[in-house]
Amino acid sequence: MANVTFSSPKIKKDITVYATAGDCQTLLATARANKIPVNFECENGECGSCAVEVVILSNKQPMGMHLTEKEKTALKLAGKIGRQQIEEAELKDVPPPWRLACQYIVRDEDILVKF
């Protein structure tokens, strides 16, 4: 199980929900299932409207989650990540702080999602 805490000026207080690691549910699907108002439009990684900042809340090495090509393009065009962060994600398995909620698969780690 993973604790996913959502934080935003759009909600009165932070909301923590449980997500089952390994069920391949996206962060956006988790938010929608719990009625958390994360912005989205296309739901397939092309528009970038669901960009969120993901902070790992454990002291362990973050679990790498590969960026999709659509995610790299959308986040780069939005100015959320640069070439260096993409290279670190690909070569060192270090996840960048900004992700697309529609592409990010919840892993077995506690995270804070800022949107």
N, C-alpha and C. Protein backbone atom coordinates (compact mmCIF):
# COMPACT_ATOMS: atom_id res chain seq x y z
N MET A 1 0.84 -1.18 0.00
CA MET A 1 0.00 0.00 0.00
C MET A 1 0.89 1.25 0.00
N ALA A 2 0.41 2.26 -0.66
CA ALA A 2 1.11 3.53 -0.70
C ALA A 2 0.17 4.63 -0.22
N ASN A 3 0.70 5.53 0.58
CA ASN A 3 -0.06 6.70 0.98
C ASN A 3 0.21 7.79 -0.04
N VAL A 4 -0.84 8.34 -0.61
CA VAL A 4 -0.71 9.42 -1.58
C VAL A 4 -1.42 10.63 -0.97
N THR A 5 -0.65 11.67 -0.69
CA THR A 5 -1.21 12.88 -0.11
C THR A 5 -1.29 13.95 -1.19
N PHE A 6 -2.48 14.47 -1.39
CA PHE A 6 -2.72 15.52 -2.37
C PHE A 6 -2.77 16.85 -1.64
N SER A 7 -2.06 17.86 -2.17
CA SER A 7 -2.01 19.18 -1.56
C SER A 7 -2.18 20.24 -2.65
N SER A 8 -3.12 21.15 -2.41
CA SER A 8 -3.39 22.19 -3.40
C SER A 8 -4.21 23.30 -2.77
N PRO A 9 -4.07 24.53 -3.27
CA PRO A 9 -4.95 25.60 -2.83
C PRO A 9 -6.42 25.33 -3.23
N LYS A 10 -6.64 24.40 -4.15
CA LYS A 10 -8.00 24.06 -4.59
C LYS A 10 -8.79 23.27 -3.55
N ILE A 11 -8.07 22.67 -2.58
CA ILE A 11 -8.76 21.87 -1.56
C ILE A 11 -8.51 22.48 -0.19
N LYS A 12 -9.47 22.33 0.72
CA LYS A 12 -9.39 22.97 2.04
C LYS A 12 -8.20 22.50 2.86
N LYS A 13 -7.92 21.21 2.81
CA LYS A 13 -6.78 20.66 3.53
C LYS A 13 -6.22 19.49 2.73
N ASP A 14 -5.00 19.11 3.07
CA ASP A 14 -4.38 17.98 2.38
C ASP A 14 -5.23 16.74 2.56
N ILE A 15 -5.28 15.92 1.52
CA ILE A 15 -6.05 14.68 1.56
C ILE A 15 -5.10 13.52 1.29
N THR A 16 -5.09 12.55 2.19
CA THR A 16 -4.27 11.35 2.02
C THR A 16 -5.17 10.17 1.71
N VAL A 17 -4.83 9.47 0.65
CA VAL A 17 -5.59 8.28 0.26
C VAL A 17 -4.62 7.11 0.14
N TYR A 18 -5.15 5.92 0.17
CA TYR A 18 -4.33 4.71 0.00
C TYR A 18 -4.45 4.23 -1.43
N ALA A 19 -3.33 3.89 -1.99
CA ALA A 19 -3.31 3.35 -3.35
C ALA A 19 -2.63 1.99 -3.29
N THR A 20 -3.17 1.04 -3.99
CA THR A 20 -2.58 -0.29 -4.04
C THR A 20 -1.46 -0.30 -5.06
N ALA A 21 -0.26 -0.50 -4.59
CA ALA A 21 0.89 -0.54 -5.48
C ALA A 21 0.78 -1.77 -6.39
N GLY A 22 1.15 -1.58 -7.63
CA GLY A 22 1.15 -2.69 -8.57
C GLY A 22 -0.14 -2.90 -9.32
N ASP A 23 -1.18 -2.10 -9.04
CA ASP A 23 -2.42 -2.31 -9.78
C ASP A 23 -2.46 -1.52 -11.08
N CYS A 24 -1.37 -0.80 -11.39
CA CYS A 24 -1.21 -0.05 -12.64
C CYS A 24 -2.21 1.09 -12.80
N GLN A 25 -2.73 1.57 -11.69
CA GLN A 25 -3.64 2.72 -11.74
C GLN A 25 -2.79 3.99 -11.77
N THR A 26 -3.19 4.94 -12.60
CA THR A 26 -2.45 6.19 -12.67
C THR A 26 -2.80 7.08 -11.49
N LEU A 27 -1.97 8.05 -11.28
CA LEU A 27 -2.20 9.03 -10.24
C LEU A 27 -3.51 9.79 -10.51
N LEU A 28 -3.77 10.08 -11.77
CA LEU A 28 -5.02 10.76 -12.14
C LEU A 28 -6.23 9.89 -11.80
N ALA A 29 -6.16 8.61 -12.08
CA ALA A 29 -7.27 7.70 -11.76
C ALA A 29 -7.49 7.63 -10.25
N THR A 30 -6.40 7.62 -9.48
CA THR A 30 -6.51 7.62 -8.03
C THR A 30 -7.18 8.90 -7.55
N ALA A 31 -6.77 10.03 -8.11
CA ALA A 31 -7.37 11.31 -7.73
C ALA A 31 -8.86 11.34 -8.08
N ARG A 32 -9.20 10.93 -9.27
CA ARG A 32 -10.60 10.95 -9.69
C ARG A 32 -11.45 10.01 -8.85
N ALA A 33 -10.93 8.84 -8.50
CA ALA A 33 -11.68 7.88 -7.69
C ALA A 33 -11.97 8.43 -6.30
N ASN A 34 -11.12 9.37 -5.85
CA ASN A 34 -11.29 9.96 -4.53
C ASN A 34 -11.81 11.40 -4.59
N LYS A 35 -12.31 11.79 -5.76
CA LYS A 35 -12.91 13.12 -5.97
C LYS A 35 -11.96 14.27 -5.63
N ILE A 36 -10.72 14.11 -6.02
CA ILE A 36 -9.71 15.15 -5.82
C ILE A 36 -9.56 15.89 -7.15
N PRO A 37 -9.73 17.23 -7.14
CA PRO A 37 -9.83 18.00 -8.39
C PRO A 37 -8.52 18.30 -9.11
N VAL A 38 -7.81 17.26 -9.54
CA VAL A 38 -6.60 17.46 -10.34
C VAL A 38 -7.04 17.82 -11.77
N ASN A 39 -6.46 18.88 -12.30
CA ASN A 39 -6.80 19.29 -13.67
C ASN A 39 -6.40 18.22 -14.68
N PHE A 40 -7.20 18.08 -15.72
CA PHE A 40 -6.85 17.19 -16.82
C PHE A 40 -7.72 17.54 -18.02
N GLU A 41 -7.24 17.18 -19.19
CA GLU A 41 -8.02 17.36 -20.42
C GLU A 41 -8.01 16.09 -21.26
N CYS A 42 -6.85 15.74 -21.79
CA CYS A 42 -6.82 14.66 -22.78
C CYS A 42 -6.70 13.26 -22.16
N GLU A 43 -6.12 13.13 -20.99
CA GLU A 43 -5.90 11.87 -20.29
C GLU A 43 -4.97 10.90 -21.00
N ASN A 44 -4.21 11.38 -22.00
CA ASN A 44 -3.29 10.45 -22.68
C ASN A 44 -1.87 11.01 -22.79
N GLY A 45 -1.56 12.03 -22.01
CA GLY A 45 -0.18 12.50 -21.95
C GLY A 45 0.24 13.49 -23.00
N GLU A 46 -0.69 14.05 -23.74
CA GLU A 46 -0.30 14.97 -24.81
C GLU A 46 -0.46 16.44 -24.47
N CYS A 47 -1.43 16.79 -23.62
CA CYS A 47 -1.71 18.21 -23.40
C CYS A 47 -0.90 18.81 -22.25
N GLY A 48 -0.53 18.02 -21.26
CA GLY A 48 0.25 18.51 -20.13
C GLY A 48 -0.55 19.22 -19.06
N SER A 49 -1.87 19.25 -19.19
CA SER A 49 -2.70 19.98 -18.22
C SER A 49 -2.73 19.33 -16.85
N CYS A 50 -2.35 18.07 -16.75
CA CYS A 50 -2.38 17.37 -15.46
C CYS A 50 -1.00 17.30 -14.80
N ALA A 51 -0.11 18.24 -15.15
CA ALA A 51 1.23 18.25 -14.55
C ALA A 51 1.12 18.47 -13.04
N VAL A 52 1.81 17.64 -12.30
CA VAL A 52 1.83 17.72 -10.83
C VAL A 52 3.27 17.56 -10.36
N GLU A 53 3.54 18.10 -9.18
CA GLU A 53 4.85 17.91 -8.57
C GLU A 53 4.74 16.75 -7.59
N VAL A 54 5.60 15.76 -7.73
CA VAL A 54 5.58 14.57 -6.88
C VAL A 54 6.82 14.59 -5.99
N VAL A 55 6.57 14.56 -4.67
CA VAL A 55 7.65 14.54 -3.69
C VAL A 55 7.61 13.18 -2.99
N ILE A 56 8.73 12.48 -2.99
CA ILE A 56 8.84 11.18 -2.32
C ILE A 56 9.02 11.45 -0.83
N LEU A 57 8.19 10.80 -0.01
CA LEU A 57 8.20 11.07 1.42
C LEU A 57 8.99 10.08 2.26
N SER A 58 9.75 9.22 1.65
CA SER A 58 10.55 8.26 2.42
C SER A 58 12.03 8.61 2.25
N ASN A 59 12.83 8.04 3.11
CA ASN A 59 14.27 8.26 3.03
C ASN A 59 14.95 7.25 2.11
N LYS A 60 14.16 6.39 1.51
CA LYS A 60 14.70 5.36 0.62
C LYS A 60 14.95 5.95 -0.77
N GLN A 61 15.72 5.24 -1.55
CA GLN A 61 15.94 5.61 -2.95
C GLN A 61 14.58 5.60 -3.65
N PRO A 62 14.22 6.69 -4.34
CA PRO A 62 12.93 6.70 -5.05
C PRO A 62 12.86 5.59 -6.08
N MET A 63 11.67 5.04 -6.24
CA MET A 63 11.46 4.00 -7.25
C MET A 63 11.35 4.68 -8.60
N GLY A 64 12.24 4.34 -9.48
CA GLY A 64 12.24 4.94 -10.80
C GLY A 64 11.01 4.53 -11.58
N MET A 65 10.44 5.47 -12.26
CA MET A 65 9.29 5.21 -13.13
C MET A 65 9.59 5.92 -14.42
N HIS A 66 9.75 5.16 -15.47
CA HIS A 66 10.14 5.73 -16.74
C HIS A 66 9.13 6.75 -17.24
N LEU A 67 9.67 7.81 -17.81
CA LEU A 67 8.85 8.82 -18.45
C LEU A 67 8.44 8.31 -19.83
N THR A 68 7.19 8.46 -20.17
CA THR A 68 6.78 8.12 -21.53
C THR A 68 7.28 9.23 -22.46
N GLU A 69 7.37 8.94 -23.73
CA GLU A 69 7.80 9.95 -24.70
C GLU A 69 6.85 11.14 -24.69
N LYS A 70 5.56 10.87 -24.59
CA LYS A 70 4.58 11.95 -24.53
C LYS A 70 4.81 12.82 -23.29
N GLU A 71 5.10 12.17 -22.18
CA GLU A 71 5.32 12.89 -20.93
C GLU A 71 6.57 13.77 -21.02
N LYS A 72 7.65 13.24 -21.58
CA LYS A 72 8.87 14.03 -21.76
C LYS A 72 8.58 15.29 -22.58
N THR A 73 7.88 15.10 -23.68
CA THR A 73 7.57 16.22 -24.57
C THR A 73 6.69 17.25 -23.89
N ALA A 74 5.60 16.81 -23.28
CA ALA A 74 4.66 17.74 -22.64
C ALA A 74 5.31 18.51 -21.50
N LEU A 75 6.07 17.82 -20.65
CA LEU A 75 6.71 18.49 -19.51
C LEU A 75 7.84 19.42 -19.95
N LYS A 76 8.55 19.03 -21.00
CA LYS A 76 9.62 19.88 -21.52
C LYS A 76 9.04 21.15 -22.14
N LEU A 77 7.99 21.01 -22.92
CA LEU A 77 7.34 22.17 -23.54
C LEU A 77 6.74 23.11 -22.51
N ALA A 78 6.28 22.55 -21.40
CA ALA A 78 5.69 23.37 -20.32
C ALA A 78 6.76 24.00 -19.44
N GLY A 79 8.03 23.65 -19.66
CA GLY A 79 9.11 24.20 -18.87
C GLY A 79 9.24 23.59 -17.48
N LYS A 80 8.65 22.41 -17.29
CA LYS A 80 8.67 21.75 -15.98
C LYS A 80 9.93 20.91 -15.78
N ILE A 81 10.48 20.36 -16.85
CA ILE A 81 11.71 19.59 -16.76
C ILE A 81 12.62 19.97 -17.93
N GLY A 82 13.90 19.71 -17.74
CA GLY A 82 14.88 20.01 -18.77
C GLY A 82 15.62 18.76 -19.21
N ARG A 83 16.54 18.95 -20.11
CA ARG A 83 17.32 17.84 -20.66
C ARG A 83 18.05 17.07 -19.56
N GLN A 84 18.63 17.78 -18.58
CA GLN A 84 19.38 17.12 -17.52
C GLN A 84 18.48 16.19 -16.70
N GLN A 85 17.28 16.63 -16.37
CA GLN A 85 16.37 15.78 -15.59
C GLN A 85 15.92 14.57 -16.40
N ILE A 86 15.74 14.73 -17.68
CA ILE A 86 15.38 13.60 -18.54
C ILE A 86 16.52 12.59 -18.57
N GLU A 87 17.76 13.09 -18.71
CA GLU A 87 18.92 12.19 -18.73
C GLU A 87 19.08 11.46 -17.40
N GLU A 88 18.87 12.16 -16.27
CA GLU A 88 18.98 11.51 -14.97
C GLU A 88 17.91 10.44 -14.80
N ALA A 89 16.73 10.70 -15.34
CA ALA A 89 15.66 9.71 -15.26
C ALA A 89 16.00 8.48 -16.09
N GLU A 90 16.57 8.70 -17.26
CA GLU A 90 16.87 7.59 -18.16
C GLU A 90 18.13 6.82 -17.77
N LEU A 91 19.16 7.53 -17.36
CA LEU A 91 20.44 6.88 -17.10
C LEU A 91 20.65 6.46 -15.65
N LYS A 92 20.12 7.24 -14.71
CA LYS A 92 20.35 6.97 -13.30
C LYS A 92 19.10 6.52 -12.56
N ASP A 93 18.00 6.44 -13.28
CA ASP A 93 16.72 6.01 -12.69
C ASP A 93 16.27 6.94 -11.56
N VAL A 94 16.55 8.24 -11.73
CA VAL A 94 16.14 9.25 -10.76
C VAL A 94 14.90 9.97 -11.31
N PRO A 95 13.75 9.79 -10.67
CA PRO A 95 12.54 10.40 -11.21
C PRO A 95 12.55 11.92 -11.06
N PRO A 96 12.10 12.64 -12.07
CA PRO A 96 12.02 14.10 -11.96
C PRO A 96 10.86 14.49 -11.05
N PRO A 97 10.90 15.71 -10.50
CA PRO A 97 9.83 16.12 -9.59
C PRO A 97 8.48 16.36 -10.28
N TRP A 98 8.50 16.76 -11.51
CA TRP A 98 7.25 17.02 -12.23
C TRP A 98 6.87 15.83 -13.08
N ARG A 99 5.63 15.44 -12.99
CA ARG A 99 5.10 14.31 -13.77
C ARG A 99 3.71 14.67 -14.28
N LEU A 100 3.23 13.87 -15.20
CA LEU A 100 1.84 13.99 -15.65
C LEU A 100 1.03 12.98 -14.86
N ALA A 101 -0.03 13.45 -14.23
CA ALA A 101 -0.86 12.56 -13.39
C ALA A 101 -1.48 11.44 -14.21
N CYS A 102 -1.71 11.68 -15.49
CA CYS A 102 -2.33 10.64 -16.33
C CYS A 102 -1.33 9.57 -16.77
N GLN A 103 -0.04 9.79 -16.53
CA GLN A 103 0.99 8.85 -16.93
C GLN A 103 1.70 8.19 -15.74
N TYR A 104 1.67 8.84 -14.60
CA TYR A 104 2.40 8.37 -13.43
C TYR A 104 1.66 7.21 -12.77
N ILE A 105 2.32 6.08 -12.66
CA ILE A 105 1.77 4.90 -12.00
C ILE A 105 2.22 4.92 -10.54
N VAL A 106 1.27 4.80 -9.63
CA VAL A 106 1.58 4.81 -8.20
C VAL A 106 2.38 3.56 -7.85
N ARG A 107 3.50 3.76 -7.16
CA ARG A 107 4.37 2.67 -6.74
C ARG A 107 4.19 2.44 -5.25
N ASP A 108 4.95 1.52 -4.70
CA ASP A 108 4.87 1.20 -3.28
C ASP A 108 5.75 2.15 -2.47
N GLU A 109 5.39 3.44 -2.51
CA GLU A 109 6.10 4.45 -1.75
C GLU A 109 5.14 5.60 -1.45
N ASP A 110 5.33 6.21 -0.31
CA ASP A 110 4.49 7.33 0.09
C ASP A 110 4.94 8.58 -0.66
N ILE A 111 3.96 9.31 -1.20
CA ILE A 111 4.27 10.50 -1.97
C ILE A 111 3.35 11.66 -1.60
N LEU A 112 3.85 12.87 -1.84
CA LEU A 112 3.07 14.09 -1.73
C LEU A 112 2.90 14.62 -3.13
N VAL A 113 1.67 14.91 -3.52
CA VAL A 113 1.37 15.39 -4.86
C VAL A 113 0.87 16.82 -4.73
N LYS A 114 1.63 17.75 -5.31
CA LYS A 114 1.26 19.17 -5.28
C LYS A 114 0.70 19.54 -6.65
N PHE A 115 -0.44 20.21 -6.64
CA PHE A 115 -1.04 20.63 -7.92
C PHE A 115 -1.74 21.96 -7.76
